[in-house]
Amino acid sequence: MPVACNLDEAAVGPRSDCQQLLHMSPCHVGPHPSQWRRPWDPHARCGCEEGVGGRRQARAHQASTRSNATQAEMAVARIGLAGLAVMGQNLALNIAEKGFPISVYNRTTSKVDETVERAKAEGNLPLYGYHDPASFVNSIQKPRVVIMLVKAGAPVDQTIATLAAHLEQGDCIIDGGNEWYENTERREKAMEERGLLYLGMGVSGGEEGARNGPSLMPGGSFEAYKYIEDILLKVAAQVPDSGPCVTYIGKGGSGNFVKMVHNGIEYGDMQLISEAYDVLNIKDDQGEGYLVDKVLDKTGMKGTGKWTVQQAAELSVAAPTIEASLDSRFLSGLKDERVEASKIFQGDFSSNLPVDKAQLIEDVRQALYASKICSYAQGMNIIKAKSMEKGWGLNLGELARIWKGGCIIRAIFLDRIKKAYDRNSDLANLLVDPEFAQEIMDRQAAWRRVVCLAINNGVSTPGMSASLAYFDSYRRDRLPANLVQAQRDYFGAHTYERVDIPGSYHTEWFKIARDLKN
């Protein structure tokens, strides 16, 4: 739709054909760029002569330069964003609010119009909507950078195909969704063959973070990152003592992988908090309850937690807290079965022992903190193992820094995690950092009291229990794994090592058993 001109031609005189061409953008939705870039100048010369004698020359000039002139004038935006669901809209508005003109596009055009109206209502922000991909791409300054925020999987490939048809060599596509990291690496390679740059960028913080400052985890082409570093530094959450919550993560799919594990840690965090709530079981004095008590106890998921657990298994990294949180979501989904089971397993599961409420609240606080340390330790170990496998060279302390603000798992103690990895970048496990080791030891008695109380009262605490078991297993110099390995040798002749003699051994356990019977 053409954008109407507010100037009175009678007052300023007729425009040349080139001026008419440059002033109107047939696909543009929203205020004309002249309203923020510069006012339209009726006396600006287009390179052709005005007046009756010069009209023929002007028309010939127009025919040869129409395409270049149109594209030059349409390049009004510093960056583009495709995909205007909740996250896309809010990130686009955040970028515009930070002073970077942005063009937006969505396959459902009503979302474009909605975003443009929000930009007007929220301060007449420099945001411009387009209803077709060609005009959208051409509206972005070269080298073009387009952020996609669409559902992971096939929709990403479809959006890339739509955009790439209009992009040129040296342009860049950024996937800001929760994508599987290997898909990002596949797409980066495919885009490289077409002369395009590609980034996979984790975006954490939900709706509020996207609008006011998320934690950003870009990985892939470093050249592409440098294209938009100035934007990301302004758009990311700002933490006074450590700066913007964004850093270049590393090569390949590292940005998406780090975001995936971030979400796995988030699963653990949410589970542990819910268990603390369940143990405390706080009720309103008037018996009306809280809103949270009215929420259906059935947890959804989008797959990143499952991916994290799968990666932990493939990398042979113990992550029981995160695994327990995933299992808890699976069990929550069995709502109908649980309702029926509750009718079968009726009885008093309470220990009926007196509880000091003040002491319990403090114990739960300590248990929650200790469990969270274990959850973060597991997540960091998954990232470290993958970084070693892929040669990414990830900086775990820097990851902790960019998670301090904007993202879902932001917490003050992330600063302590950063300092732990700054002290020792080769830290085997967060638990053995001197400060965290002391904090765990100071809290382990309260931690055990909470888990015991929960067990004795029939309250499931899979996250806290798994975290405590993780700590107890990790701190022991000898585990009953020797019997597990002996059984493996007994049933499958898998051999075993001895603690007193080097080498691998196999014992005919069946024969020993027969001899003992005789």
Protein backbone atom coordinates (compact mmCIF):
# COMPACT_ATOMS: atom_id res chain seq x y z
CA MET A 1 0.00 0.00 0.00
CA PRO A 2 1.43 3.39 -0.91
CA VAL A 3 2.21 5.77 1.89
CA ALA A 4 0.40 9.04 1.38
CA CYS A 5 2.36 12.24 1.19
CA ASN A 6 1.51 14.98 3.66
CA LEU A 7 3.00 17.78 1.58
CA ASP A 8 0.89 20.12 -0.49
CA GLU A 9 2.13 20.00 -4.09
CA ALA A 10 0.51 23.32 -4.78
CA ALA A 11 2.78 24.89 -2.20
CA VAL A 12 6.04 23.26 -3.20
CA GLY A 13 5.52 22.58 -6.87
CA PRO A 14 5.17 19.30 -8.75
CA ARG A 15 7.63 16.50 -8.06
CA SER A 16 9.84 14.98 -10.70
CA ASP A 17 9.21 11.38 -11.71
CA CYS A 18 12.27 10.32 -9.68
CA GLN A 19 11.01 12.19 -6.62
CA GLN A 20 7.62 10.49 -6.93
CA LEU A 21 9.37 7.13 -7.19
CA LEU A 22 11.63 7.69 -4.20
CA HIS A 23 8.86 8.91 -1.93
CA MET A 24 6.49 5.94 -2.25
CA SER A 25 7.05 2.36 -1.12
CA PRO A 26 4.21 0.13 -2.33
CA CYS A 27 4.76 -2.65 0.23
CA HIS A 28 5.49 -0.56 3.30
CA VAL A 29 3.23 -0.55 6.34
CA GLY A 30 3.63 2.15 8.96
CA PRO A 31 5.15 5.64 8.99
CA HIS A 32 7.28 6.58 6.01
CA PRO A 33 11.04 6.47 6.63
CA SER A 34 11.22 10.21 5.94
CA GLN A 35 9.58 10.75 9.30
CA TRP A 36 12.66 9.49 11.09
CA ARG A 37 15.50 9.75 8.59
CA ARG A 38 14.96 13.19 7.04
CA PRO A 39 12.05 15.28 5.74
CA TRP A 40 11.26 14.96 2.06
CA ASP A 41 13.05 17.72 0.20
CA PRO A 42 11.04 18.94 -2.83
CA HIS A 43 14.14 20.75 -4.13
CA ALA A 44 16.48 17.73 -3.93
CA ARG A 45 17.84 16.95 -7.38
CA CYS A 46 17.67 13.45 -8.80
CA GLY A 47 20.39 13.96 -11.41
CA CYS A 48 17.98 14.87 -14.24
CA GLU A 49 16.95 18.33 -15.40
CA GLU A 50 13.61 19.84 -14.34
CA GLY A 51 11.31 21.75 -16.65
CA VAL A 52 9.69 21.08 -19.99
CA GLY A 53 12.95 20.63 -21.88
CA GLY A 54 14.32 18.08 -19.44
CA ARG A 55 11.27 15.81 -19.02
CA ARG A 56 12.26 13.38 -21.79
CA GLN A 57 15.74 13.02 -20.31
CA ALA A 58 14.20 12.49 -16.87
CA ARG A 59 11.94 9.69 -18.10
CA ALA A 60 14.84 7.94 -19.82
CA HIS A 61 16.94 8.30 -16.70
CA GLN A 62 14.08 6.94 -14.59
CA ALA A 63 13.76 3.81 -16.75
CA SER A 64 17.42 2.90 -16.32
CA THR A 65 17.71 3.68 -12.59
CA ARG A 66 14.27 2.78 -11.23
CA SER A 67 15.34 -0.53 -9.71
CA ASN A 68 18.50 0.77 -8.02
CA ALA A 69 16.79 3.91 -6.77
CA THR A 70 13.86 1.95 -5.37
CA GLN A 71 16.07 -0.51 -3.52
CA ALA A 72 18.31 2.26 -2.18
CA GLU A 73 15.38 4.19 -0.78
CA MET A 74 13.68 1.08 0.57
CA ALA A 75 16.78 0.17 2.64
CA VAL A 76 15.43 1.94 5.70
CA ALA A 77 16.25 -0.62 8.39
CA ARG A 78 19.45 -1.58 10.16
CA ILE A 79 18.14 -5.12 10.72
CA GLY A 80 15.12 -7.31 9.95
CA LEU A 81 13.07 -9.79 11.95
CA ALA A 82 10.83 -12.52 10.54
CA GLY A 83 8.35 -14.31 12.80
CA LEU A 84 6.06 -12.17 14.91
CA ALA A 85 4.68 -14.42 17.62
CA VAL A 86 5.10 -13.24 21.21
CA MET A 87 8.91 -13.49 21.32
CA GLY A 88 9.40 -12.03 17.85
CA GLN A 89 7.18 -9.02 18.45
CA ASN A 90 8.79 -8.18 21.76
CA LEU A 91 12.36 -8.58 20.53
CA ALA A 92 11.61 -6.40 17.50
CA LEU A 93 10.18 -3.67 19.74
CA ASN A 94 13.21 -3.95 22.02
CA ILE A 95 15.57 -3.47 19.08
CA ALA A 96 13.59 -0.48 17.80
CA GLU A 97 13.44 1.08 21.25
CA LYS A 98 17.23 0.92 21.49
CA GLY A 99 17.41 3.17 18.41
CA PHE A 100 17.98 0.60 15.65
CA PRO A 101 15.43 0.92 12.81
CA ILE A 102 13.99 -2.53 12.15
CA SER A 103 11.83 -4.07 9.43
CA VAL A 104 9.48 -6.92 10.31
CA TYR A 105 7.74 -9.62 8.32
CA ASN A 106 5.34 -12.45 9.08
CA ARG A 107 3.56 -14.89 6.81
CA THR A 108 0.28 -13.97 8.55
CA THR A 109 0.09 -10.29 7.65
CA SER A 110 -2.20 -9.36 10.53
CA LYS A 111 0.76 -9.97 12.85
CA VAL A 112 2.75 -7.40 10.88
CA ASP A 113 0.02 -4.77 11.27
CA GLU A 114 -0.35 -5.61 14.96
CA THR A 115 3.37 -5.12 15.56
CA VAL A 116 3.40 -1.82 13.68
CA GLU A 117 0.52 -0.57 15.80
CA ARG A 118 2.32 -1.60 18.98
CA ALA A 119 5.41 0.29 17.83
CA LYS A 120 3.30 3.42 17.32
CA ALA A 121 1.58 3.03 20.69
CA GLU A 122 4.84 2.40 22.56
CA GLY A 123 6.54 5.59 21.44
CA ASN A 124 6.39 5.79 17.65
CA LEU A 125 9.37 3.44 17.45
CA PRO A 126 11.34 3.06 14.17
CA LEU A 127 9.71 -0.22 13.18
CA TYR A 128 8.44 -0.89 9.65
CA GLY A 129 6.21 -3.72 8.54
CA TYR A 130 6.16 -5.51 5.20
CA HIS A 131 3.62 -7.94 3.79
CA ASP A 132 5.87 -9.66 1.26
CA PRO A 133 9.37 -11.12 1.69
CA ALA A 134 10.99 -9.33 -1.25
CA SER A 135 10.09 -5.86 0.00
CA PHE A 136 11.03 -6.89 3.53
CA VAL A 137 14.51 -8.04 2.51
CA ASN A 138 15.10 -5.04 0.26
CA SER A 139 14.21 -2.69 3.12
CA ILE A 140 17.29 -3.79 5.10
CA GLN A 141 20.65 -2.06 4.73
CA LYS A 142 23.49 -4.13 3.28
CA PRO A 143 25.00 -6.39 4.40
CA ARG A 144 21.53 -7.52 5.42
CA VAL A 145 20.90 -9.25 8.74
CA VAL A 146 17.61 -11.05 9.39
CA ILE A 147 16.63 -12.65 12.69
CA MET A 148 14.14 -15.53 12.49
CA LEU A 149 11.94 -16.37 15.46
CA VAL A 150 9.80 -19.25 14.25
CA LYS A 151 9.03 -22.74 15.51
CA ALA A 152 12.00 -25.12 15.38
CA GLY A 153 12.26 -27.76 12.67
CA ALA A 154 10.61 -27.56 9.26
CA PRO A 155 9.26 -23.98 9.72
CA VAL A 156 12.85 -22.76 10.06
CA ASP A 157 13.86 -24.41 6.78
CA GLN A 158 10.78 -22.95 5.08
CA THR A 159 11.54 -19.46 6.36
CA ILE A 160 15.18 -19.75 5.28
CA ALA A 161 14.08 -20.75 1.77
CA THR A 162 11.70 -17.77 1.61
CA LEU A 163 14.34 -15.28 2.76
CA ALA A 164 17.33 -16.73 0.91
CA ALA A 165 15.56 -16.27 -2.42
CA HIS A 166 15.98 -12.52 -1.96
CA LEU A 167 19.26 -12.31 -0.03
CA GLU A 168 22.66 -11.68 -1.60
CA GLN A 169 26.18 -12.89 -0.95
CA GLY A 170 27.45 -11.65 2.40
CA ASP A 171 23.99 -11.29 3.95
CA CYS A 172 23.25 -13.05 7.23
CA ILE A 173 20.43 -15.13 8.75
CA ILE A 174 20.11 -15.59 12.52
CA ASP A 175 17.91 -18.29 14.01
CA GLY A 176 16.75 -17.09 17.43
CA GLY A 177 14.59 -20.13 18.25
CA ASN A 178 15.17 -23.20 20.42
CA GLU A 179 16.67 -25.28 17.63
CA TRP A 180 18.54 -28.60 17.79
CA TYR A 181 22.21 -27.66 17.46
CA GLU A 182 22.96 -30.13 14.65
CA ASN A 183 20.24 -28.54 12.52
CA THR A 184 22.00 -25.22 13.00
CA GLU A 185 25.30 -26.71 11.86
CA ARG A 186 23.64 -28.25 8.80
CA ARG A 187 22.05 -24.93 7.87
CA GLU A 188 25.24 -22.97 8.45
CA LYS A 189 27.03 -25.23 5.98
CA ALA A 190 24.21 -24.94 3.42
CA MET A 191 24.17 -21.14 3.73
CA GLU A 192 27.94 -20.96 3.39
CA GLU A 193 27.66 -22.74 0.04
CA ARG A 194 25.30 -19.96 -1.07
CA GLY A 195 27.60 -17.22 0.17
CA LEU A 196 25.41 -16.40 3.18
CA LEU A 197 26.39 -16.20 6.85
CA TYR A 198 24.46 -18.00 9.58
CA LEU A 199 24.12 -17.77 13.35
CA GLY A 200 22.17 -19.88 15.82
CA MET A 201 21.33 -17.62 18.75
CA GLY A 202 19.72 -18.73 21.99
CA VAL A 203 17.32 -16.13 23.38
CA SER A 204 16.27 -16.52 27.01
CA GLY A 205 13.95 -14.47 29.16
CA GLY A 206 10.52 -15.16 27.78
CA GLU A 207 8.16 -12.37 26.77
CA GLU A 208 9.40 -9.93 29.40
CA GLY A 209 13.06 -10.58 28.63
CA ALA A 210 12.60 -10.25 24.87
CA ARG A 211 10.95 -6.87 25.34
CA ASN A 212 13.20 -5.39 28.02
CA GLY A 213 16.47 -7.27 27.79
CA PRO A 214 17.11 -11.01 27.27
CA SER A 215 20.17 -13.15 27.71
CA LEU A 216 21.56 -13.83 24.22
CA MET A 217 23.73 -16.78 23.20
CA PRO A 218 24.89 -16.39 19.56
CA GLY A 219 27.04 -19.10 18.00
CA GLY A 220 28.24 -19.80 14.47
CA SER A 221 29.88 -17.38 12.09
CA PHE A 222 32.03 -14.88 14.02
CA GLU A 223 31.88 -12.55 11.02
CA ALA A 224 28.10 -12.58 11.26
CA TYR A 225 28.28 -11.86 14.99
CA LYS A 226 30.41 -8.79 14.36
CA TYR A 227 27.73 -7.50 11.94
CA ILE A 228 25.29 -7.09 14.81
CA GLU A 229 27.45 -6.97 17.92
CA ASP A 230 26.55 -3.31 18.49
CA ILE A 231 22.84 -4.17 18.40
CA LEU A 232 23.09 -7.19 20.68
CA LEU A 233 25.14 -5.30 23.27
CA LYS A 234 22.35 -2.71 23.56
CA VAL A 235 19.40 -5.08 23.34
CA ALA A 236 20.63 -7.66 25.88
CA ALA A 237 19.86 -7.42 29.59
CA GLN A 238 22.24 -5.05 31.38
CA VAL A 239 23.74 -6.12 34.71
CA PRO A 240 25.48 -3.21 36.47
CA ASP A 241 28.51 -5.10 37.74
CA SER A 242 29.14 -7.33 34.72
CA GLY A 243 27.75 -5.68 31.60
CA PRO A 244 25.44 -6.85 28.79
CA CYS A 245 24.18 -10.44 29.02
CA VAL A 246 25.53 -11.47 25.63
CA THR A 247 28.78 -12.89 24.34
CA TYR A 248 29.94 -14.73 21.24
CA ILE A 249 29.57 -18.34 22.37
CA GLY A 250 31.64 -20.15 19.76
CA LYS A 251 31.61 -22.00 16.47
CA GLY A 252 28.95 -24.18 14.87
CA GLY A 253 25.84 -24.94 16.87
CA SER A 254 27.38 -23.96 20.21
CA GLY A 255 24.91 -21.11 20.80
CA ASN A 256 21.90 -23.39 20.43
CA PHE A 257 23.58 -26.13 22.48
CA VAL A 258 24.31 -23.77 25.36
CA LYS A 259 20.72 -22.48 25.26
CA MET A 260 19.46 -26.07 25.28
CA VAL A 261 21.44 -26.92 28.43
CA HIS A 262 20.37 -23.60 29.95
CA ASN A 263 16.81 -24.84 29.50
CA GLY A 264 17.74 -28.19 31.05
CA ILE A 265 19.05 -26.35 34.12
CA GLU A 266 15.83 -24.36 34.04
CA TYR A 267 13.86 -27.62 34.19
CA GLY A 268 15.82 -28.54 37.30
CA ASP A 269 15.31 -25.11 38.87
CA MET A 270 11.56 -25.19 38.34
CA GLN A 271 11.27 -28.71 39.72
CA LEU A 272 13.29 -27.90 42.83
CA ILE A 273 11.23 -24.78 43.52
CA SER A 274 8.01 -26.76 43.12
CA GLU A 275 9.29 -29.36 45.58
CA ALA A 276 10.12 -26.67 48.14
CA TYR A 277 6.57 -25.39 47.73
CA ASP A 278 5.17 -28.89 48.17
CA VAL A 279 7.14 -29.55 51.35
CA LEU A 280 6.12 -26.23 52.87
CA ASN A 281 2.54 -26.61 51.60
CA ILE A 282 1.63 -23.06 52.58
CA LYS A 283 -2.09 -22.28 52.63
CA ASP A 284 -4.05 -19.03 52.92
CA ASP A 285 -5.43 -18.34 56.42
CA GLN A 286 -8.92 -17.70 55.03
CA GLY A 287 -8.87 -21.01 53.22
CA GLU A 288 -9.17 -19.38 49.79
CA GLY A 289 -5.77 -20.58 48.66
CA TYR A 290 -3.46 -19.01 46.11
CA LEU A 291 -3.82 -18.67 42.36
CA VAL A 292 -0.94 -21.10 41.87
CA ASP A 293 -2.99 -23.76 43.69
CA LYS A 294 -5.66 -23.42 41.02
CA VAL A 295 -3.28 -24.11 38.12
CA LEU A 296 -3.71 -27.61 36.66
CA ASP A 297 -0.84 -29.84 37.82
CA LYS A 298 0.14 -30.91 34.32
CA THR A 299 3.43 -29.53 33.01
CA GLY A 300 4.06 -28.97 29.31
CA MET A 301 7.39 -28.99 27.51
CA LYS A 302 8.87 -28.14 24.11
CA GLY A 303 11.73 -30.63 23.98
CA THR A 304 14.87 -28.81 25.14
CA GLY A 305 14.90 -30.60 28.49
CA LYS A 306 14.59 -33.95 26.76
CA TRP A 307 17.41 -33.03 24.38
CA THR A 308 19.59 -32.07 27.37
CA VAL A 309 19.05 -35.45 29.04
CA GLN A 310 19.71 -37.27 25.77
CA GLN A 311 22.97 -35.36 25.33
CA ALA A 312 23.98 -36.08 28.92
CA ALA A 313 23.49 -39.78 28.21
CA GLU A 314 25.43 -39.66 24.94
CA LEU A 315 28.28 -37.78 26.62
CA SER A 316 28.25 -40.08 29.70
CA VAL A 317 27.65 -37.12 32.01
CA ALA A 318 25.61 -37.70 35.16
CA ALA A 319 22.69 -35.25 35.30
CA PRO A 320 20.21 -36.82 37.76
CA THR A 321 18.61 -33.54 38.87
CA ILE A 322 17.76 -32.55 35.30
CA GLU A 323 16.67 -36.12 34.51
CA ALA A 324 14.41 -36.17 37.59
CA SER A 325 12.80 -32.90 36.51
CA LEU A 326 12.07 -34.38 33.08
CA ASP A 327 10.59 -37.55 34.59
CA SER A 328 8.44 -35.39 36.86
CA ARG A 329 7.00 -33.66 33.81
CA PHE A 330 6.24 -37.02 32.23
CA LEU A 331 4.44 -38.13 35.39
CA SER A 332 2.55 -34.86 35.64
CA GLY A 333 1.15 -35.54 32.19
CA LEU A 334 -0.52 -38.71 33.51
CA LYS A 335 -3.17 -36.66 35.29
CA ASP A 336 -6.08 -39.04 34.68
CA GLU A 337 -4.02 -42.06 35.74
CA ARG A 338 -2.84 -40.28 38.88
CA VAL A 339 -6.40 -39.39 39.82
CA GLU A 340 -7.39 -43.07 39.57
CA ALA A 341 -4.26 -44.20 41.41
CA SER A 342 -5.03 -41.82 44.27
CA LYS A 343 -8.31 -43.69 44.81
CA ILE A 344 -6.46 -47.01 45.08
CA PHE A 345 -3.58 -45.92 47.31
CA GLN A 346 -5.57 -44.26 50.04
CA GLY A 347 -4.22 -44.01 53.55
CA ASP A 348 -2.42 -41.80 56.01
CA PHE A 349 1.06 -41.13 54.66
CA SER A 350 1.84 -38.58 57.36
CA SER A 351 4.41 -39.31 60.03
CA ASN A 352 2.31 -37.26 62.48
CA LEU A 353 5.51 -35.95 64.04
CA PRO A 354 5.56 -32.32 65.19
CA VAL A 355 7.26 -29.89 62.80
CA ASP A 356 8.92 -26.62 63.77
CA LYS A 357 7.61 -24.40 60.96
CA ALA A 358 10.32 -21.75 61.29
CA GLN A 359 13.05 -24.40 61.26
CA LEU A 360 11.42 -26.14 58.31
CA ILE A 361 11.35 -22.93 56.26
CA GLU A 362 15.05 -22.37 56.91
CA ASP A 363 15.89 -26.02 56.17
CA VAL A 364 13.99 -25.89 52.87
CA ARG A 365 15.87 -22.72 51.93
CA GLN A 366 19.19 -24.45 52.54
CA ALA A 367 18.12 -27.65 50.77
CA LEU A 368 16.91 -25.72 47.73
CA TYR A 369 20.21 -23.86 47.42
CA ALA A 370 22.32 -27.01 47.78
CA SER A 371 20.19 -28.82 45.19
CA LYS A 372 20.49 -25.91 42.76
CA ILE A 373 24.27 -26.05 43.01
CA CYS A 374 24.11 -29.70 41.93
CA SER A 375 21.78 -28.87 39.04
CA TYR A 376 24.09 -26.15 37.72
CA ALA A 377 27.13 -28.37 38.19
CA GLN A 378 25.48 -31.03 36.03
CA GLY A 379 24.53 -28.53 33.31
CA MET A 380 28.02 -27.03 33.20
CA ASN A 381 29.54 -30.51 32.93
CA ILE A 382 27.32 -31.30 29.93
CA ILE A 383 28.45 -28.10 28.21
CA LYS A 384 32.11 -28.75 29.07
CA ALA A 385 31.95 -32.30 27.70
CA LYS A 386 30.34 -31.17 24.44
CA SER A 387 32.78 -28.32 24.06
CA MET A 388 35.67 -30.78 24.37
CA GLU A 389 34.08 -33.17 21.88
CA LYS A 390 33.44 -30.47 19.28
CA GLY A 391 36.49 -28.30 19.94
CA TRP A 392 34.35 -25.24 20.69
CA GLY A 393 36.56 -23.92 23.50
CA LEU A 394 33.60 -22.59 25.48
CA ASN A 395 34.21 -20.28 28.44
CA LEU A 396 32.02 -21.55 31.29
CA GLY A 397 32.63 -18.47 33.43
CA GLU A 398 31.45 -16.23 30.61
CA LEU A 399 28.30 -18.33 30.22
CA ALA A 400 27.53 -17.84 33.90
CA ARG A 401 28.02 -14.10 33.43
CA ILE A 402 25.52 -13.74 30.59
CA TRP A 403 22.96 -15.77 32.55
CA LYS A 404 23.01 -13.27 35.43
CA GLY A 405 20.30 -11.13 33.88
CA GLY A 406 17.43 -11.38 31.44
CA CYS A 407 17.15 -15.16 31.34
CA ILE A 408 14.85 -17.53 33.20
CA ILE A 409 17.60 -18.93 35.46
CA ARG A 410 19.10 -15.58 36.39
CA ALA A 411 20.32 -15.63 39.97
CA ILE A 412 22.78 -13.79 42.18
CA PHE A 413 24.79 -16.93 42.81
CA LEU A 414 25.69 -17.12 39.09
CA ASP A 415 28.29 -14.50 39.95
CA ARG A 416 29.84 -17.04 42.34
CA ILE A 417 29.77 -19.63 39.56
CA LYS A 418 31.58 -17.22 37.25
CA LYS A 419 34.22 -16.56 39.90
CA ALA A 420 34.65 -20.29 40.45
CA TYR A 421 35.48 -20.86 36.78
CA ASP A 422 37.60 -17.71 36.70
CA ARG A 423 39.65 -19.16 39.54
CA ASN A 424 40.00 -22.47 37.74
CA SER A 425 38.85 -22.78 34.12
CA ASP A 426 39.61 -26.53 34.25
CA LEU A 427 37.41 -27.11 37.29
CA ALA A 428 36.38 -30.78 37.22
CA ASN A 429 33.05 -30.09 38.92
CA LEU A 430 31.47 -27.02 40.46
CA LEU A 431 31.05 -28.98 43.70
CA VAL A 432 34.82 -29.09 44.30
CA ASP A 433 35.35 -25.36 44.05
CA PRO A 434 36.45 -24.42 47.59
CA GLU A 435 33.64 -21.90 48.15
CA PHE A 436 30.87 -24.13 46.83
CA ALA A 437 32.29 -27.15 48.64
CA GLN A 438 32.02 -25.26 51.90
CA GLU A 439 28.50 -24.05 51.12
CA ILE A 440 27.36 -27.60 50.38
CA MET A 441 28.88 -28.89 53.61
CA ASP A 442 27.25 -26.09 55.60
CA ARG A 443 23.83 -27.02 54.19
CA GLN A 444 23.94 -30.79 53.89
CA ALA A 445 22.40 -31.49 57.32
CA ALA A 446 19.34 -29.31 56.57
CA TRP A 447 19.18 -30.88 53.11
CA ARG A 448 18.96 -34.37 54.62
CA ARG A 449 16.32 -33.29 57.13
CA VAL A 450 14.09 -31.97 54.34
CA VAL A 451 14.42 -35.10 52.19
CA CYS A 452 13.77 -37.35 55.19
CA LEU A 453 10.74 -35.30 56.24
CA ALA A 454 9.34 -35.50 52.71
CA ILE A 455 9.85 -39.27 52.51
CA ASN A 456 8.28 -39.83 55.92
CA ASN A 457 5.22 -37.83 54.90
CA GLY A 458 4.75 -39.32 51.44
CA VAL A 459 5.80 -36.17 49.58
CA SER A 460 7.87 -36.84 46.46
CA THR A 461 11.00 -34.74 46.08
CA PRO A 462 12.71 -36.34 43.07
CA GLY A 463 14.86 -33.29 42.29
CA MET A 464 16.15 -32.72 45.82
CA SER A 465 16.59 -36.46 46.41
CA ALA A 466 18.46 -36.91 43.13
CA SER A 467 20.65 -33.91 43.92
CA LEU A 468 21.50 -35.28 47.36
CA ALA A 469 22.25 -38.70 45.89
CA TYR A 470 24.47 -37.03 43.27
CA PHE A 471 26.40 -35.24 45.99
CA ASP A 472 26.69 -38.36 48.15
CA SER A 473 27.88 -40.43 45.19
CA TYR A 474 30.36 -37.83 43.98
CA ARG A 475 31.93 -37.25 47.41
CA ARG A 476 32.66 -40.98 48.04
CA ASP A 477 35.98 -42.49 47.05
CA ARG A 478 34.40 -45.94 46.68
CA LEU A 479 30.95 -46.90 45.39
CA PRO A 480 29.19 -50.29 45.15
CA ALA A 481 29.84 -50.11 41.40
CA ASN A 482 32.32 -52.94 41.90
CA LEU A 483 29.39 -55.32 42.39
CA VAL A 484 27.66 -53.96 39.29
CA GLN A 485 30.79 -54.61 37.20
CA ALA A 486 31.16 -58.08 38.73
CA GLN A 487 27.58 -58.86 37.70
CA ARG A 488 28.33 -57.64 34.17
CA ASP A 489 31.22 -60.06 34.03
CA TYR A 490 29.04 -62.82 35.52
CA PHE A 491 26.26 -62.46 32.96
CA GLY A 492 28.10 -61.18 29.89
CA ALA A 493 31.81 -61.88 30.38
CA HIS A 494 32.56 -58.15 30.11
CA THR A 495 35.71 -58.51 32.28
CA TYR A 496 36.70 -56.24 35.14
CA GLU A 497 39.73 -54.45 36.55
CA ARG A 498 41.16 -55.08 40.00
CA VAL A 499 42.27 -52.52 42.58
CA ASP A 500 45.33 -54.54 43.56
CA ILE A 501 46.65 -55.89 40.23
CA PRO A 502 46.71 -54.10 36.84
CA GLY A 503 45.01 -55.61 33.78
CA SER A 504 41.58 -56.94 32.73
CA TYR A 505 40.14 -60.11 34.20
CA HIS A 506 37.29 -62.53 33.65
CA THR A 507 36.04 -64.96 36.25
CA GLU A 508 33.84 -68.01 35.63
CA TRP A 509 31.38 -67.02 38.33
CA PHE A 510 28.95 -69.82 37.41
CA LYS A 511 31.63 -72.40 38.06
CA ILE A 512 32.49 -70.85 41.42
CA ALA A 513 28.77 -70.88 42.34
CA ARG A 514 28.46 -74.58 41.42
CA ASP A 515 31.55 -75.46 43.38
CA LEU A 516 30.20 -73.65 46.43
CA LYS A 517 26.89 -75.53 46.19
CA ASN A 518 28.72 -78.83 46.07
